[in-house]
Protein backbone atom coordinates (compact mmCIF):
# COMPACT_ATOMS: atom_id res chain seq x y z
CA UNK A 1 24.43 24.78 -8.17
CA UNK A 2 24.75 22.58 -5.11
CA UNK A 3 21.91 21.45 -2.86
CA UNK A 4 23.06 23.88 -0.16
CA UNK A 5 22.79 26.82 -2.56
CA UNK A 6 19.21 26.03 -3.55
CA UNK A 7 16.40 27.47 -1.45
CA UNK A 8 13.51 25.25 -0.34
CA UNK A 9 10.06 26.48 0.60
CA UNK A 10 7.69 24.27 2.55
CA UNK A 11 3.99 24.93 2.85
CA UNK A 12 0.94 23.11 4.18
CA UNK A 13 -1.41 21.48 1.71
CA UNK A 14 -4.74 23.24 1.22
CA UNK A 15 -7.71 22.43 -0.98
CA UNK A 16 -6.84 25.06 -3.59
CA UNK A 17 -3.65 23.08 -4.34
CA UNK A 18 -5.49 19.83 -5.03
CA UNK A 19 -4.92 19.71 -8.81
CA UNK A 20 -1.26 20.63 -8.43
CA UNK A 21 -0.81 17.96 -5.75
CA UNK A 22 -2.50 15.25 -7.84
CA UNK A 23 -0.53 16.13 -10.99
CA UNK A 24 2.72 15.81 -9.09
CA UNK A 25 1.75 12.43 -7.60
CA UNK A 26 0.83 11.08 -11.03
CA UNK A 27 4.19 12.12 -12.52
CA UNK A 28 6.29 11.18 -9.46
CA UNK A 29 8.86 8.40 -9.32
CA UNK A 30 7.37 6.67 -6.27
CA UNK A 31 3.76 7.82 -5.84
CA UNK A 32 0.61 5.72 -6.27
CA UNK A 33 -3.10 6.50 -6.37
CA UNK A 34 -3.25 6.21 -2.56
CA UNK A 35 -1.62 9.66 -2.42
CA UNK A 36 -4.21 11.32 -4.67
CA UNK A 37 -6.49 13.62 -2.71
CA UNK A 38 -9.70 11.73 -3.59
CA UNK A 39 -8.22 8.72 -1.81
CA UNK A 40 -6.57 10.54 1.08
CA UNK A 41 -9.58 12.70 1.85
CA UNK A 42 -12.20 9.96 2.07
CA UNK A 43 -11.36 9.69 5.79
CA UNK A 44 -10.46 13.35 6.36
CA UNK A 45 -12.84 13.42 9.32
CA UNK A 46 -10.65 10.88 11.15
CA UNK A 47 -7.25 12.48 10.67
CA UNK A 48 -6.00 16.04 11.14
CA UNK A 49 -4.21 16.58 7.83
CA UNK A 50 -0.70 18.03 8.06
CA UNK A 51 0.51 17.28 4.54
CA UNK A 52 3.46 19.33 3.27
CA UNK A 53 4.55 20.55 -0.15
CA UNK A 54 8.27 21.15 -0.76
CA UNK A 55 9.24 23.56 -3.54
CA UNK A 56 12.41 24.88 -5.04
CA UNK A 57 12.93 27.45 -7.79
CA UNK A 58 11.82 24.93 -10.46
CA UNK A 59 8.53 24.00 -8.79
CA UNK A 60 7.33 21.16 -6.55
CA UNK A 61 10.15 18.86 -5.52
CA UNK A 62 8.43 16.60 -2.99
CA UNK A 63 5.21 15.98 -1.09
CA UNK A 64 4.73 14.55 2.39
CA UNK A 65 1.26 13.06 2.91
CA UNK A 66 0.89 13.42 6.68
CA UNK A 67 -1.41 13.92 9.62
CA UNK A 68 -0.93 15.26 13.13
CA UNK A 69 -1.90 13.37 16.30
CA UNK A 70 -1.18 15.17 19.54
CA UNK A 71 2.32 16.64 19.26
CA UNK A 72 3.55 14.12 16.68
CA UNK A 73 3.43 13.99 12.87
CA UNK A 74 2.72 10.74 11.03
CA UNK A 75 3.36 10.01 7.37
CA UNK A 76 -0.13 9.32 6.98
CA UNK A 77 -1.78 6.94 9.47
CA UNK A 78 -4.70 6.34 7.12
CA UNK A 79 -2.49 4.91 4.35
CA UNK A 80 -0.84 1.52 3.99
CA UNK A 81 2.52 3.12 3.21
CA UNK A 82 3.78 6.68 3.10
CA UNK A 83 6.77 8.95 3.11
CA UNK A 84 8.14 11.62 0.82
CA UNK A 85 6.76 11.43 -2.72
CA UNK A 86 9.42 12.75 -5.05
CA UNK A 87 10.11 13.59 -8.69
CA UNK A 88 12.99 12.70 -10.98
CA UNK A 89 14.90 15.81 -9.91
CA UNK A 90 15.32 14.40 -6.40
CA UNK A 91 18.88 13.27 -5.72
CA UNK A 92 20.57 12.10 -2.53
CA UNK A 93 22.31 15.43 -1.70
CA UNK A 94 19.07 17.32 -2.37
CA UNK A 95 17.10 14.92 -0.16
CA UNK A 96 19.55 15.51 2.69
CA UNK A 97 18.86 19.23 2.53
CA UNK A 98 15.12 18.76 2.02
CA UNK A 99 14.84 16.38 4.96
CA UNK A 100 16.62 18.82 7.25
CA UNK A 101 14.27 21.57 6.08
CA UNK A 102 11.19 19.40 6.69
CA UNK A 103 12.37 18.58 10.21
CA UNK A 104 12.95 22.25 10.96
CA UNK A 105 9.48 23.14 9.67
CA UNK A 106 7.86 20.48 11.83
CA UNK A 107 9.78 21.66 14.90
CA UNK A 108 8.51 25.18 14.26
CA UNK A 109 4.96 23.75 14.17
CA UNK A 110 5.49 22.32 17.66
CA UNK A 111 5.90 18.66 16.68
CA UNK A 112 8.07 16.50 18.92
CA UNK A 113 8.55 13.58 16.53
CA UNK A 114 8.00 12.42 12.97
CA UNK A 115 6.71 8.86 12.52
CA UNK A 116 7.69 7.81 9.03
CA UNK A 117 6.68 4.69 7.11
CA UNK A 118 8.62 4.16 3.91
CA UNK A 119 7.14 3.44 0.50
CA UNK A 120 8.34 -0.12 -0.29
CA UNK A 121 10.73 -0.14 -3.21
CA UNK A 122 8.51 -2.37 -5.36
CA UNK A 123 6.20 0.64 -5.81
CA UNK A 124 8.98 2.85 -7.20
CA UNK A 125 8.92 3.59 -10.91
CA UNK A 126 12.62 4.41 -10.65
CA UNK A 127 14.82 4.06 -7.53
CA UNK A 128 13.67 6.46 -4.81
CA UNK A 129 15.24 5.49 -1.50
CA UNK A 130 17.02 8.77 -0.89
CA UNK A 131 14.74 9.23 2.12
CA UNK A 132 16.04 6.07 3.80
CA UNK A 133 19.58 7.41 3.69
CA UNK A 134 18.39 10.76 5.03
CA UNK A 135 16.56 8.96 7.85
CA UNK A 136 19.73 7.15 8.85
CA UNK A 137 21.77 10.35 8.78
CA UNK A 138 19.12 12.01 10.96
CA UNK A 139 19.46 9.28 13.59
CA UNK A 140 16.01 7.81 12.95
CA UNK A 141 15.04 4.81 15.04
CA UNK A 142 13.63 1.72 13.31
CA UNK A 143 10.52 1.04 15.39
CA UNK A 144 8.71 -1.54 13.29
CA UNK A 145 9.48 -3.88 10.41
CA UNK A 146 6.73 -5.67 8.51
CA UNK A 147 7.29 -8.29 5.85
CA UNK A 148 5.39 -8.25 2.56
CA UNK A 149 4.99 -11.44 0.51
CA UNK A 150 5.72 -10.52 -3.10
CA UNK A 151 5.77 -12.46 -6.36
CA UNK A 152 8.15 -10.93 -8.89
CA UNK A 153 7.46 -11.30 -12.59
CA UNK A 154 10.92 -9.90 -13.35
CA UNK A 155 13.65 -12.46 -13.90
CA UNK A 156 13.58 -15.77 -12.05
CA UNK A 157 10.56 -16.72 -9.95
CA UNK A 158 10.18 -19.00 -6.95
CA UNK A 159 8.03 -22.02 -7.85
CA UNK A 160 4.37 -22.41 -6.92
CA UNK A 161 3.98 -25.35 -4.55
CA UNK A 162 2.28 -28.49 -5.86
CA UNK A 163 -0.44 -28.37 -3.18
CA UNK A 164 -1.57 -24.95 -4.44
CA UNK A 165 -1.82 -26.30 -7.98
CA UNK A 166 -3.74 -29.31 -6.71
CA UNK A 167 -6.13 -26.95 -4.91
CA UNK A 168 -6.68 -24.99 -8.11
CA UNK A 169 -7.38 -28.17 -10.05
CA UNK A 170 -9.86 -29.28 -7.37
CA UNK A 171 -11.71 -25.96 -7.68
CA UNK A 172 -11.91 -26.40 -11.44
CA UNK A 173 -13.39 -29.87 -11.05
CA UNK A 174 -15.94 -28.35 -8.63
CA UNK A 175 -17.04 -25.89 -11.34
CA UNK A 176 -15.74 -22.83 -9.44
CA UNK A 177 -15.37 -19.90 -11.85
CA UNK A 178 -13.08 -16.89 -11.36
CA UNK A 179 -14.38 -13.53 -12.54
CA UNK A 180 -14.21 -9.82 -11.86
CA UNK A 181 -17.26 -8.61 -9.95
CA UNK A 182 -19.05 -5.38 -9.04
CA UNK A 183 -21.02 -6.94 -6.18
CA UNK A 184 -19.12 -5.22 -3.39
CA UNK A 185 -21.89 -5.65 -0.85
CA UNK A 186 -22.13 -9.37 -1.45
CA UNK A 187 -18.39 -9.77 -1.03
CA UNK A 188 -18.31 -7.52 2.05
CA UNK A 189 -20.69 -9.91 3.80
CA UNK A 190 -18.30 -12.79 3.10
CA UNK A 191 -15.26 -10.68 4.06
CA UNK A 192 -16.75 -9.44 7.33
CA UNK A 193 -17.74 -12.95 8.41
CA UNK A 194 -14.29 -14.28 7.43
CA UNK A 195 -12.34 -11.62 9.37
CA UNK A 196 -14.52 -11.91 12.45
CA UNK A 197 -14.29 -15.71 12.56
CA UNK A 198 -10.55 -16.03 11.89
CA UNK A 199 -9.03 -12.88 13.40
CA UNK A 200 -11.71 -11.19 15.49
CA UNK A 201 -11.45 -8.05 13.32
CA UNK A 202 -13.46 -6.21 10.71
CA UNK A 203 -12.56 -4.58 7.37
CA UNK A 204 -10.73 -1.25 7.67
CA UNK A 205 -13.15 0.19 5.10
CA UNK A 206 -16.91 0.10 5.39
CA UNK A 207 -18.75 -1.14 2.31
CA UNK A 208 -19.92 2.42 1.62
CA UNK A 209 -16.31 3.66 1.76
CA UNK A 210 -14.96 0.98 -0.56
CA UNK A 211 -17.77 1.57 -3.06
CA UNK A 212 -17.04 5.29 -3.01
CA UNK A 213 -13.33 4.70 -3.52
CA UNK A 214 -13.93 2.20 -6.30
CA UNK A 215 -16.14 4.69 -8.14
CA UNK A 216 -13.33 7.26 -7.86
CA UNK A 217 -10.61 4.79 -8.92
CA UNK A 218 -12.23 2.15 -11.15
CA UNK A 219 -8.92 1.31 -12.86
CA UNK A 220 -7.11 0.87 -9.56
CA UNK A 221 -9.54 -0.89 -7.21
CA UNK A 222 -10.94 -4.20 -8.44
CA UNK A 223 -12.78 -7.18 -6.99
CA UNK A 224 -12.14 -10.74 -8.17
CA UNK A 225 -14.22 -13.64 -6.89
CA UNK A 226 -14.51 -17.40 -7.08
CA UNK A 227 -18.14 -18.35 -7.66
CA UNK A 228 -20.32 -21.38 -8.15
CA UNK A 229 -24.01 -21.14 -9.02
CA UNK A 230 -23.99 -17.45 -8.07
CA UNK A 231 -22.52 -18.03 -4.60
CA UNK A 232 -19.32 -16.29 -3.50
CA UNK A 233 -16.83 -18.89 -2.23
CA UNK A 234 -13.72 -16.70 -2.23
CA UNK A 235 -12.59 -13.26 -3.27
CA UNK A 236 -9.80 -10.69 -3.26
CA UNK A 237 -9.78 -6.90 -3.52
CA UNK A 238 -6.83 -5.75 -5.62
CA UNK A 239 -5.26 -2.29 -5.43
CA UNK A 240 -3.55 -1.88 -8.78
CA UNK A 241 -0.80 0.69 -9.27
CA UNK A 242 1.81 1.23 -11.95
CA UNK A 243 4.24 -1.42 -10.68
CA UNK A 244 2.24 -3.53 -8.24
CA UNK A 245 -1.00 -5.46 -7.90
CA UNK A 246 -1.57 -5.43 -4.14
CA UNK A 247 -4.03 -7.70 -2.33
CA UNK A 248 -5.93 -5.38 0.00
CA UNK A 249 -8.46 -7.96 1.25
CA UNK A 250 -8.76 -11.76 1.02
CA UNK A 251 -11.69 -13.91 2.11
CA UNK A 252 -13.06 -17.41 1.64
CA UNK A 253 -16.02 -19.32 3.01
CA UNK A 254 -15.56 -22.71 4.68
CA UNK A 255 -16.68 -24.39 1.47
CA UNK A 256 -14.35 -22.22 -0.56
CA UNK A 257 -11.35 -23.22 1.56
CA UNK A 258 -12.23 -26.89 1.35
CA UNK A 259 -12.63 -26.81 -2.42
CA UNK A 260 -9.54 -24.76 -3.32
CA UNK A 261 -11.34 -21.59 -4.43
CA UNK A 262 -8.54 -19.26 -3.23
CA UNK A 263 -5.92 -21.45 -4.89
CA UNK A 264 -7.66 -21.15 -8.24
CA UNK A 265 -8.30 -17.43 -7.73
CA UNK A 266 -4.64 -16.58 -7.09
CA UNK A 267 -3.32 -18.90 -9.77
CA UNK A 268 -5.49 -17.13 -12.32
CA UNK A 269 -4.56 -13.66 -11.03
CA UNK A 270 -0.85 -14.49 -11.11
CA UNK A 271 -0.86 -16.35 -14.39
CA UNK A 272 -3.59 -14.42 -16.18
CA UNK A 273 -4.90 -11.02 -15.12
CA UNK A 274 -1.59 -9.80 -13.65
CA UNK A 275 1.04 -11.87 -15.41
CA UNK A 276 2.54 -8.70 -16.94
CA UNK A 277 2.54 -6.67 -13.72
CA UNK A 278 6.12 -6.44 -12.36
CA UNK A 279 5.08 -7.32 -8.79
CA UNK A 280 2.14 -9.04 -7.11
CA UNK A 281 2.02 -8.12 -3.42
CA UNK A 282 0.05 -10.40 -1.09
CA UNK A 283 0.58 -7.86 1.69
CA UNK A 284 1.81 -8.28 5.23
CA UNK A 285 1.36 -11.19 7.60
CA UNK A 286 2.11 -9.00 10.63
CA UNK A 287 -0.50 -7.78 13.08
CA UNK A 288 -0.83 -3.99 13.17
CA UNK A 289 -1.19 -3.78 16.95
CA UNK A 290 1.57 -6.13 18.13
CA UNK A 291 4.91 -7.59 17.01
CA UNK A 292 5.14 -11.05 15.53
CA UNK A 293 4.40 -13.00 12.38
CA UNK A 294 1.36 -15.08 11.45
CA UNK A 295 3.34 -18.09 10.28
CA UNK A 296 0.40 -19.97 8.79
CA UNK A 297 -0.68 -16.95 6.78
CA UNK A 298 2.75 -16.19 5.34
CA UNK A 299 3.32 -19.86 4.47
CA UNK A 300 0.10 -19.80 2.44
CA UNK A 301 1.30 -16.73 0.52
CA UNK A 302 4.80 -18.07 -0.02
CA UNK A 303 3.32 -21.28 -1.40
CA UNK A 304 2.38 -19.22 -4.49
CA UNK A 305 6.04 -18.26 -5.01
CA UNK A 306 5.96 -15.06 -2.97
CA UNK A 307 9.11 -14.00 -1.12
CA UNK A 308 9.93 -11.32 1.43
CA UNK A 309 10.11 -7.56 0.92
CA UNK A 310 10.46 -5.64 4.17
CA UNK A 311 8.46 -2.52 5.00
CA UNK A 312 10.23 -0.29 7.51
CA UNK A 313 8.74 2.23 9.95
CA UNK A 314 10.91 4.91 11.57
CA UNK A 315 10.65 7.51 14.33
CA UNK A 316 12.64 10.73 14.15
CA UNK A 317 12.90 12.86 17.29
CA UNK A 318 12.50 16.55 16.45
């Protein structure tokens, strides 16, 4: 049976479908815990959910975590990445038909455009870029391109620069210890001061939100810190999924920067805690509200052997 001969049914997500949604995400080829409803719904008051479920005769075929803003649909604005979450039955011809059906459904709902941010390929359990081909065939416009700094533990690796190793050694001589921590409030004070001083911003999550999320996902959301005599000198919040350890937040005090606390922290994460994780993602060095690259920030990340993986954002007129 060809893709054109198979019928597709698309419905809106509702709370009664929560368990079915979560089970599909867990078994999908490109989903992560960010698409589970406990994560998506923590900020449900800020976004008008417009998530879709695509079915065929065999069951759920794909999910689209999404929200509506005005007369446009976004693959979800509250998530770092998004797009169609698919299962192993998804093939390129089927995606072409599914994508056309999704667009038609959104047009019927009065949407004028679909803003679509892809799920970077490093998060895929098996290849899942059928949507990117469907986007191209639909005439989607590339409206933004971020660059992620990623260390691969598969095959050859770019070398860690000597200055980063020297910084780690300096931190060791200064008796800085790296450990996992549950003191989210203590770290949030350091993080908030760091972001305000260096970038004039604040954490996307409040401390209450991150504590709630960490309680819901203790195996996925972790805090690692560099400490000396009980004082936080540096820290990183890691979002851990099947394929990737992603740095969600980074912070260091002035003393921590001077004494190499971040160098030691990341050397131990890369060479110890996450040495068996296929990818370690330092995240983007692009600003969310304007084009351009923070050259100093990306050079720091690439000094640990990270190299570029692009994260594309598209707009599809409906």
